Amino acid sequence: MKIVQALALAAFAFAAAAPAVAGPDDEKWIKQCQHDNRNEGAKPEVVTKYCTCMNDKMDNNETRSITQWEKANPNAAKACSAQAGWK
């Protein structure tokens, strides 16, 4: 029984530590954000980190694009820029 408990605990810990998997809707928004920011001077991987961070901060019921939402939430945009390493 202790082995089952240990395995369950390990599985739970792994699931809690793993990053959230973006669903199809999230992927659509992130891709649009990447497109919107393609000419802003940052490397593609930085833009991806930024867009993913912004998407994660948004409510799942949000209907605005990330680009629209960031204008109304400058503190989130600033935090995600720093997290992504956007210079």
PDB file of N, CA and C in Angstrom:
ATOM      1  N   MET A   1       0.824  -1.204   0.000  1.00  0.00           N
ATOM      2  CA  MET A   1       0.000   0.000   0.000  1.00  0.00           C
ATOM      3  C   MET A   1       0.862   1.260   0.000  1.00  0.00           C
ATOM      4  N   LYS A   2       1.993   1.205   0.698  1.00  0.00           N
ATOM      5  CA  LYS A   2       2.860   2.374   0.750  1.00  0.00           C
ATOM      6  C   LYS A   2       3.441   2.704  -0.617  1.00  0.00           C
ATOM      7  N   ILE A   3       3.665   1.696  -1.430  1.00  0.00           N
ATOM      8  CA  ILE A   3       4.191   1.947  -2.775  1.00  0.00           C
ATOM      9  C   ILE A   3       3.152   2.684  -3.605  1.00  0.00           C
ATOM     10  N   VAL A   4       1.897   2.282  -3.497  1.00  0.00           N
ATOM     11  CA  VAL A   4       0.824   2.945  -4.234  1.00  0.00           C
ATOM     12  C   VAL A   4       0.715   4.396  -3.796  1.00  0.00           C
ATOM     13  N   GLN A   5       0.790   4.636  -2.495  1.00  0.00           N
ATOM     14  CA  GLN A   5       0.727   6.001  -1.980  1.00  0.00           C
ATOM     15  C   GLN A   5       1.910   6.829  -2.477  1.00  0.00           C
ATOM     16  N   ALA A   6       3.095   6.237  -2.479  1.00  0.00           N
ATOM     17  CA  ALA A   6       4.288   6.945  -2.938  1.00  0.00           C
ATOM     18  C   ALA A   6       4.177   7.281  -4.423  1.00  0.00           C
ATOM     19  N   LEU A   7       3.688   6.338  -5.224  1.00  0.00           N
ATOM     20  CA  LEU A   7       3.515   6.596  -6.646  1.00  0.00           C
ATOM     21  C   LEU A   7       2.474   7.674  -6.898  1.00  0.00           C
ATOM     22  N   ALA A   8       1.386   7.630  -6.148  1.00  0.00           N
ATOM     23  CA  ALA A   8       0.348   8.655  -6.291  1.00  0.00           C
ATOM     24  C   ALA A   8       0.893  10.017  -5.914  1.00  0.00           C
ATOM     25  N   LEU A   9       1.648  10.088  -4.840  1.00  0.00           N
ATOM     26  CA  LEU A   9       2.242  11.353  -4.412  1.00  0.00           C
ATOM     27  C   LEU A   9       3.228  11.870  -5.454  1.00  0.00           C
ATOM     28  N   ALA A  10       4.042  10.978  -6.006  1.00  0.00           N
ATOM     29  CA  ALA A  10       5.003  11.381  -7.028  1.00  0.00           C
ATOM     30  C   ALA A  10       4.284  11.893  -8.279  1.00  0.00           C
ATOM     31  N   ALA A  11       3.225  11.221  -8.677  1.00  0.00           N
ATOM     32  CA  ALA A  11       2.460  11.659  -9.853  1.00  0.00           C
ATOM     33  C   ALA A  11       1.831  13.014  -9.610  1.00  0.00           C
ATOM     34  N   PHE A  12       1.297  13.224  -8.429  1.00  0.00           N
ATOM     35  CA  PHE A  12       0.699  14.511  -8.092  1.00  0.00           C
ATOM     36  C   PHE A  12       1.748  15.617  -8.101  1.00  0.00           C
ATOM     37  N   ALA A  13       2.907  15.345  -7.526  1.00  0.00           N
ATOM     38  CA  ALA A  13       3.976  16.347  -7.471  1.00  0.00           C
ATOM     39  C   ALA A  13       4.448  16.698  -8.879  1.00  0.00           C
ATOM     40  N   PHE A  14       4.569  15.689  -9.743  1.00  0.00           N
ATOM     41  CA  PHE A  14       4.986  15.944 -11.126  1.00  0.00           C
ATOM     42  C   PHE A  14       3.956  16.792 -11.854  1.00  0.00           C
ATOM     43  N   ALA A  15       2.686  16.461 -11.691  1.00  0.00           N
ATOM     44  CA  ALA A  15       1.616  17.209 -12.361  1.00  0.00           C
ATOM     45  C   ALA A  15       1.572  18.649 -11.870  1.00  0.00           C
ATOM     46  N   ALA A  16       1.797  18.864 -10.592  1.00  0.00           N
ATOM     47  CA  ALA A  16       1.763  20.216 -10.032  1.00  0.00           C
ATOM     48  C   ALA A  16       2.957  21.041 -10.517  1.00  0.00           C
ATOM     49  N   ALA A  17       4.092  20.388 -10.746  1.00  0.00           N
ATOM     50  CA  ALA A  17       5.293  21.104 -11.153  1.00  0.00           C
ATOM     51  C   ALA A  17       5.336  21.352 -12.659  1.00  0.00           C
ATOM     52  N   ALA A  18       4.617  20.566 -13.410  1.00  0.00           N
ATOM     53  CA  ALA A  18       4.640  20.693 -14.871  1.00  0.00           C
ATOM     54  C   ALA A  18       3.919  21.964 -15.304  1.00  0.00           C
ATOM     55  N   PRO A  19       4.429  22.637 -16.328  1.00  0.00           N
ATOM     56  CA  PRO A  19       3.731  23.832 -16.814  1.00  0.00           C
ATOM     57  C   PRO A  19       2.391  23.449 -17.428  1.00  0.00           C
ATOM     58  N   ALA A  20       1.480  24.386 -17.406  1.00  0.00           N
ATOM     59  CA  ALA A  20       0.164  24.141 -17.984  1.00  0.00           C
ATOM     60  C   ALA A  20       0.300  23.937 -19.490  1.00  0.00           C
ATOM     61  N   VAL A  21      -0.419  22.993 -20.001  1.00  0.00           N
ATOM     62  CA  VAL A  21      -0.395  22.722 -21.426  1.00  0.00           C
ATOM     63  C   VAL A  21      -1.421  23.628 -22.086  1.00  0.00           C
ATOM     64  N   ALA A  22      -0.967  24.329 -23.083  1.00  0.00           N
ATOM     65  CA  ALA A  22      -1.865  25.241 -23.786  1.00  0.00           C
ATOM     66  C   ALA A  22      -2.839  24.437 -24.633  1.00  0.00           C
ATOM     67  N   GLY A  23      -4.092  24.796 -24.557  1.00  0.00           N
ATOM     68  CA  GLY A  23      -5.099  24.160 -25.382  1.00  0.00           C
ATOM     69  C   GLY A  23      -5.151  24.831 -26.737  1.00  0.00           C
ATOM     70  N   PRO A  24      -5.986  24.329 -27.617  1.00  0.00           N
ATOM     71  CA  PRO A  24      -6.078  24.905 -28.972  1.00  0.00           C
ATOM     72  C   PRO A  24      -6.416  26.394 -28.963  1.00  0.00           C
ATOM     73  N   ASP A  25      -7.285  26.808 -28.049  1.00  0.00           N
ATOM     74  CA  ASP A  25      -7.644  28.220 -27.981  1.00  0.00           C
ATOM     75  C   ASP A  25      -6.448  29.057 -27.537  1.00  0.00           C
ATOM     76  N   ASP A  26      -5.710  28.568 -26.525  1.00  0.00           N
ATOM     77  CA  ASP A  26      -4.519  29.275 -26.057  1.00  0.00           C
ATOM     78  C   ASP A  26      -3.489  29.374 -27.175  1.00  0.00           C
ATOM     79  N   GLU A  27      -3.297  28.289 -27.884  1.00  0.00           N
ATOM     80  CA  GLU A  27      -2.323  28.284 -28.976  1.00  0.00           C
ATOM     81  C   GLU A  27      -2.686  29.317 -30.040  1.00  0.00           C
ATOM     82  N   LYS A  28      -3.975  29.446 -30.317  1.00  0.00           N
ATOM     83  CA  LYS A  28      -4.435  30.433 -31.307  1.00  0.00           C
ATOM     84  C   LYS A  28      -4.086  31.846 -30.849  1.00  0.00           C
ATOM     85  N   TRP A  29      -4.355  32.147 -29.579  1.00  0.00           N
ATOM     86  CA  TRP A  29      -4.079  33.486 -29.059  1.00  0.00           C
ATOM     87  C   TRP A  29      -2.582  33.769 -29.020  1.00  0.00           C
ATOM     88  N   ILE A  30      -1.805  32.767 -28.603  1.00  0.00           N
ATOM     89  CA  ILE A  30      -0.352  32.951 -28.533  1.00  0.00           C
ATOM     90  C   ILE A  30       0.214  33.170 -29.935  1.00  0.00           C
ATOM     91  N   LYS A  31      -0.251  32.403 -30.900  1.00  0.00           N
ATOM     92  CA  LYS A  31       0.219  32.560 -32.284  1.00  0.00           C
ATOM     93  C   LYS A  31      -0.118  33.954 -32.808  1.00  0.00           C
ATOM     94  N   GLN A  32      -1.305  34.455 -32.504  1.00  0.00           N
ATOM     95  CA  GLN A  32      -1.682  35.807 -32.937  1.00  0.00           C
ATOM     96  C   GLN A  32      -0.794  36.853 -32.275  1.00  0.00           C
ATOM     97  N   CYS A  33      -0.505  36.672 -30.994  1.00  0.00           N
ATOM     98  CA  CYS A  33       0.378  37.589 -30.272  1.00  0.00           C
ATOM     99  C   CYS A  33       1.778  37.575 -30.891  1.00  0.00           C
ATOM    100  N   GLN A  34       2.277  36.392 -31.224  1.00  0.00           N
ATOM    101  CA  GLN A  34       3.587  36.297 -31.867  1.00  0.00           C
ATOM    102  C   GLN A  34       3.583  37.060 -33.192  1.00  0.00           C
ATOM    103  N   HIS A  35       2.525  36.896 -33.945  1.00  0.00           N
ATOM    104  CA  HIS A  35       2.398  37.609 -35.226  1.00  0.00           C
ATOM    105  C   HIS A  35       2.357  39.123 -35.002  1.00  0.00           C
ATOM    106  N   ASP A  36       1.581  39.551 -34.002  1.00  0.00           N
ATOM    107  CA  ASP A  36       1.450  40.983 -33.715  1.00  0.00           C
ATOM    108  C   ASP A  36       2.771  41.607 -33.280  1.00  0.00           C
ATOM    109  N   ASN A  37       3.650  40.817 -32.670  1.00  0.00           N
ATOM    110  CA  ASN A  37       4.900  41.341 -32.121  1.00  0.00           C
ATOM    111  C   ASN A  37       6.133  40.953 -32.932  1.00  0.00           C
ATOM    112  N   ARG A  38       5.945  40.433 -34.127  1.00  0.00           N
ATOM    113  CA  ARG A  38       7.063  39.927 -34.921  1.00  0.00           C
ATOM    114  C   ARG A  38       8.069  41.005 -35.316  1.00  0.00           C
ATOM    115  N   ASN A  39       7.645  42.244 -35.393  1.00  0.00           N
ATOM    116  CA  ASN A  39       8.537  43.322 -35.826  1.00  0.00           C
ATOM    117  C   ASN A  39       8.925  44.266 -34.692  1.00  0.00           C
ATOM    118  N   GLU A  40       8.853  43.780 -33.462  1.00  0.00           N
ATOM    119  CA  GLU A  40       9.151  44.636 -32.308  1.00  0.00           C
ATOM    120  C   GLU A  40      10.608  44.551 -31.851  1.00  0.00           C
ATOM    121  N   GLY A  41      11.428  43.777 -32.568  1.00  0.00           N
ATOM    122  CA  GLY A  41      12.859  43.757 -32.286  1.00  0.00           C
ATOM    123  C   GLY A  41      13.329  42.682 -31.332  1.00  0.00           C
ATOM    124  N   ALA A  42      12.447  41.859 -30.822  1.00  0.00           N
ATOM    125  CA  ALA A  42      12.857  40.792 -29.908  1.00  0.00           C
ATOM    126  C   ALA A  42      13.034  39.484 -30.671  1.00  0.00           C
ATOM    127  N   LYS A  43      13.863  38.602 -30.123  1.00  0.00           N
ATOM    128  CA  LYS A  43      14.052  37.283 -30.714  1.00  0.00           C
ATOM    129  C   LYS A  43      12.736  36.504 -30.615  1.00  0.00           C
ATOM    130  N   PRO A  44      12.490  35.608 -31.556  1.00  0.00           N
ATOM    131  CA  PRO A  44      11.239  34.837 -31.541  1.00  0.00           C
ATOM    132  C   PRO A  44      10.979  34.093 -30.227  1.00  0.00           C
ATOM    133  N   GLU A  45      12.030  33.545 -29.604  1.00  0.00           N
ATOM    134  CA  GLU A  45      11.825  32.819 -28.347  1.00  0.00           C
ATOM    135  C   GLU A  45      11.412  33.760 -27.211  1.00  0.00           C
ATOM    136  N   VAL A  46      11.888  35.002 -27.251  1.00  0.00           N
ATOM    137  CA  VAL A  46      11.491  35.998 -26.251  1.00  0.00           C
ATOM    138  C   VAL A  46      10.026  36.377 -26.453  1.00  0.00           C
ATOM    139  N   VAL A  47       9.645  36.566 -27.700  1.00  0.00           N
ATOM    140  CA  VAL A  47       8.250  36.898 -28.011  1.00  0.00           C
ATOM    141  C   VAL A  47       7.335  35.752 -27.567  1.00  0.00           C
ATOM    142  N   THR A  48       7.750  34.523 -27.810  1.00  0.00           N
ATOM    143  CA  THR A  48       6.952  33.368 -27.396  1.00  0.00           C
ATOM    144  C   THR A  48       6.784  33.331 -25.880  1.00  0.00           C
ATOM    145  N   LYS A  49       7.862  33.561 -25.141  1.00  0.00           N
ATOM    146  CA  LYS A  49       7.776  33.594 -23.673  1.00  0.00           C
ATOM    147  C   LYS A  49       6.846  34.707 -23.207  1.00  0.00           C
ATOM    148  N   TYR A  50       6.966  35.869 -23.823  1.00  0.00           N
ATOM    149  CA  TYR A  50       6.123  37.008 -23.471  1.00  0.00           C
ATOM    150  C   TYR A  50       4.650  36.681 -23.729  1.00  0.00           C
ATOM    151  N   CYS A  51       4.365  36.181 -24.918  1.00  0.00           N
ATOM    152  CA  CYS A  51       2.979  35.896 -25.293  1.00  0.00           C
ATOM    153  C   CYS A  51       2.374  34.799 -24.419  1.00  0.00           C
ATOM    154  N   THR A  52       3.171  33.798 -24.098  1.00  0.00           N
ATOM    155  CA  THR A  52       2.694  32.725 -23.223  1.00  0.00           C
ATOM    156  C   THR A  52       2.408  33.257 -21.831  1.00  0.00           C
ATOM    157  N   CYS A  53       3.290  34.100 -21.318  1.00  0.00           N
ATOM    158  CA  CYS A  53       3.080  34.714 -20.006  1.00  0.00           C
ATOM    159  C   CYS A  53       1.801  35.545 -19.998  1.00  0.00           C
ATOM    160  N   MET A  54       1.621  36.357 -21.019  1.00  0.00           N
ATOM    161  CA  MET A  54       0.422  37.190 -21.090  1.00  0.00           C
ATOM    162  C   MET A  54      -0.832  36.325 -21.180  1.00  0.00           C
ATOM    163  N   ASN A  55      -0.775  35.285 -21.978  1.00  0.00           N
ATOM    164  CA  ASN A  55      -1.921  34.384 -22.107  1.00  0.00           C
ATOM    165  C   ASN A  55      -2.257  33.750 -20.759  1.00  0.00           C
ATOM    166  N   ASP A  56      -1.214  33.364 -20.013  1.00  0.00           N
ATOM    167  CA  ASP A  56      -1.427  32.737 -18.707  1.00  0.00           C
ATOM    168  C   ASP A  56      -2.049  33.704 -17.703  1.00  0.00           C
ATOM    169  N   LYS A  57      -1.772  34.982 -17.839  1.00  0.00           N
ATOM    170  CA  LYS A  57      -2.325  35.979 -16.914  1.00  0.00           C
ATOM    171  C   LYS A  57      -3.785  36.313 -17.221  1.00  0.00           C
ATOM    172  N   MET A  58      -4.202  36.043 -18.445  1.00  0.00           N
ATOM    173  CA  MET A  58      -5.561  36.387 -18.860  1.00  0.00           C
ATOM    174  C   MET A  58      -6.562  35.348 -18.349  1.00  0.00           C
ATOM    175  N   ASP A  59      -7.762  35.803 -18.084  1.00  0.00           N
ATOM    176  CA  ASP A  59      -8.850  34.912 -17.689  1.00  0.00           C
ATOM    177  C   ASP A  59      -9.227  34.035 -18.883  1.00  0.00           C
ATOM    178  N   ASN A  60      -9.619  32.807 -18.616  1.00  0.00           N
ATOM    179  CA  ASN A  60     -10.004  31.889 -19.693  1.00  0.00           C
ATOM    180  C   ASN A  60     -11.230  32.364 -20.462  1.00  0.00           C
ATOM    181  N   ASN A  61     -12.010  33.247 -19.886  1.00  0.00           N
ATOM    182  CA  ASN A  61     -13.212  33.747 -20.544  1.00  0.00           C
ATOM    183  C   ASN A  61     -12.978  35.059 -21.292  1.00  0.00           C
ATOM    184  N   GLU A  62     -11.735  35.510 -21.324  1.00  0.00           N
ATOM    185  CA  GLU A  62     -11.400  36.769 -22.002  1.00  0.00           C
ATOM    186  C   GLU A  62     -11.665  36.627 -23.498  1.00  0.00           C
ATOM    187  N   THR A  63     -12.251  37.661 -24.080  1.00  0.00           N
ATOM    188  CA  THR A  63     -12.559  37.620 -25.509  1.00  0.00           C
ATOM    189  C   THR A  63     -11.624  38.506 -26.335  1.00  0.00           C
ATOM    190  N   ARG A  64     -10.896  39.392 -25.659  1.00  0.00           N
ATOM    191  CA  ARG A  64      -9.947  40.247 -26.384  1.00  0.00           C
ATOM    192  C   ARG A  64      -8.684  39.459 -26.713  1.00  0.00           C
ATOM    193  N   SER A  65      -7.981  39.887 -27.751  1.00  0.00           N
ATOM    194  CA  SER A  65      -6.690  39.282 -28.069  1.00  0.00           C
ATOM    195  C   SER A  65      -5.681  39.701 -26.996  1.00  0.00           C
ATOM    196  N   ILE A  66      -4.559  39.010 -26.979  1.00  0.00           N
ATOM    197  CA  ILE A  66      -3.495  39.373 -26.038  1.00  0.00           C
ATOM    198  C   ILE A  66      -3.051  40.803 -26.298  1.00  0.00           C
ATOM    199  N   THR A  67      -2.923  41.174 -27.561  1.00  0.00           N
ATOM    200  CA  THR A  67      -2.497  42.525 -27.925  1.00  0.00           C
ATOM    201  C   THR A  67      -3.485  43.570 -27.413  1.00  0.00           C
ATOM    202  N   GLN A  68      -4.762  43.300 -27.518  1.00  0.00           N
ATOM    203  CA  GLN A  68      -5.771  44.223 -26.989  1.00  0.00           C
ATOM    204  C   GLN A  68      -5.733  44.252 -25.465  1.00  0.00           C
ATOM    205  N   TRP A  69      -5.601  43.085 -24.853  1.00  0.00           N
ATOM    206  CA  TRP A  69      -5.634  42.963 -23.395  1.00  0.00           C
ATOM    207  C   TRP A  69      -4.430  43.645 -22.758  1.00  0.00           C
ATOM    208  N   GLU A  70      -3.276  43.549 -23.402  1.00  0.00           N
ATOM    209  CA  GLU A  70      -2.063  44.128 -22.804  1.00  0.00           C
ATOM    210  C   GLU A  70      -2.160  45.647 -22.687  1.00  0.00           C
ATOM    211  N   LYS A  71      -2.887  46.276 -23.602  1.00  0.00           N
ATOM    212  CA  LYS A  71      -3.042  47.729 -23.544  1.00  0.00           C
ATOM    213  C   LYS A  71      -3.843  48.168 -22.317  1.00  0.00           C
ATOM    214  N   ALA A  72      -4.768  47.327 -21.892  1.00  0.00           N
ATOM    215  CA  ALA A  72      -5.582  47.621 -20.715  1.00  0.00           C
ATOM    216  C   ALA A  72      -4.926  47.131 -19.422  1.00  0.00           C
ATOM    217  N   ASN A  73      -3.823  46.386 -19.541  1.00  0.00           N
ATOM    218  CA  ASN A  73      -3.152  45.800 -18.378  1.00  0.00           C
ATOM    219  C   ASN A  73      -1.643  46.001 -18.474  1.00  0.00           C
ATOM    220  N   PRO A  74      -1.202  47.261 -18.397  1.00  0.00           N
ATOM    221  CA  PRO A  74       0.225  47.539 -18.582  1.00  0.00           C
ATOM    222  C   PRO A  74       1.130  46.899 -17.532  1.00  0.00           C
ATOM    223  N   ASN A  75       0.623  46.697 -16.318  1.00  0.00           N
ATOM    224  CA  ASN A  75       1.460  46.059 -15.294  1.00  0.00           C
ATOM    225  C   ASN A  75       1.747  44.604 -15.650  1.00  0.00           C
ATOM    226  N   ALA A  76       0.763  43.921 -16.190  1.00  0.00           N
ATOM    227  CA  ALA A  76       0.965  42.531 -16.626  1.00  0.00           C
ATOM    228  C   ALA A  76       1.951  42.500 -17.789  1.00  0.00           C
ATOM    229  N   ALA A  77       1.800  43.425 -18.712  1.00  0.00           N
ATOM    230  CA  ALA A  77       2.714  43.486 -19.858  1.00  0.00           C
ATOM    231  C   ALA A  77       4.145  43.738 -19.395  1.00  0.00           C
ATOM    232  N   LYS A  78       4.308  44.617 -18.435  1.00  0.00           N
ATOM    233  CA  LYS A  78       5.644  44.929 -17.906  1.00  0.00           C
ATOM    234  C   LYS A  78       6.241  43.700 -17.214  1.00  0.00           C
ATOM    235  N   ALA A  79       5.435  43.009 -16.419  1.00  0.00           N
ATOM    236  CA  ALA A  79       5.908  41.812 -15.717  1.00  0.00           C
ATOM    237  C   ALA A  79       6.297  40.718 -16.713  1.00  0.00           C
ATOM    238  N   CYS A  80       5.491  40.529 -17.742  1.00  0.00           N
ATOM    239  CA  CYS A  80       5.786  39.494 -18.733  1.00  0.00           C
ATOM    240  C   CYS A  80       7.001  39.864 -19.579  1.00  0.00           C
ATOM    241  N   SER A  81       7.162  41.127 -19.864  1.00  0.00           N
ATOM    242  CA  SER A  81       8.361  41.576 -20.596  1.00  0.00           C
ATOM    243  C   SER A  81       9.613  41.241 -19.796  1.00  0.00           C
ATOM    244  N   ALA A  82       9.578  41.526 -18.514  1.00  0.00           N
ATOM    245  CA  ALA A  82      10.726  41.229 -17.655  1.00  0.00           C
ATOM    246  C   ALA A  82      10.961  39.725 -17.569  1.00  0.00           C
ATOM    247  N   GLN A  83       9.897  38.957 -17.399  1.00  0.00           N
ATOM    248  CA  GLN A  83      10.009  37.508 -17.284  1.00  0.00           C
ATOM    249  C   GLN A  83      10.579  36.904 -18.576  1.00  0.00           C
ATOM    250  N   ALA A  84      10.189  37.434 -19.708  1.00  0.00           N
ATOM    251  CA  ALA A  84      10.631  36.911 -20.998  1.00  0.00           C
ATOM    252  C   ALA A  84      12.039  37.384 -21.369  1.00  0.00           C
ATOM    253  N   GLY A  85      12.532  38.402 -20.676  1.00  0.00           N
ATOM    254  CA  GLY A  85      13.843  38.951 -21.003  1.00  0.00           C
ATOM    255  C   GLY A  85      13.819  39.921 -22.164  1.00  0.00           C
ATOM    256  N   TRP A  86      12.668  40.542 -22.363  1.00  0.00           N
ATOM    257  CA  TRP A  86      12.504  41.497 -23.466  1.00  0.00           C
ATOM    258  C   TRP A  86      13.259  42.768 -23.107  1.00  0.00           C
ATOM    259  N   LYS A  87      14.148  43.171 -23.957  1.00  0.00           N
ATOM    260  CA  LYS A  87      14.957  44.370 -23.676  1.00  0.00           C
ATOM    261  C   LYS A  87      14.566  45.494 -24.594  1.00  0.00           C
TER     262      LYS A  87
END
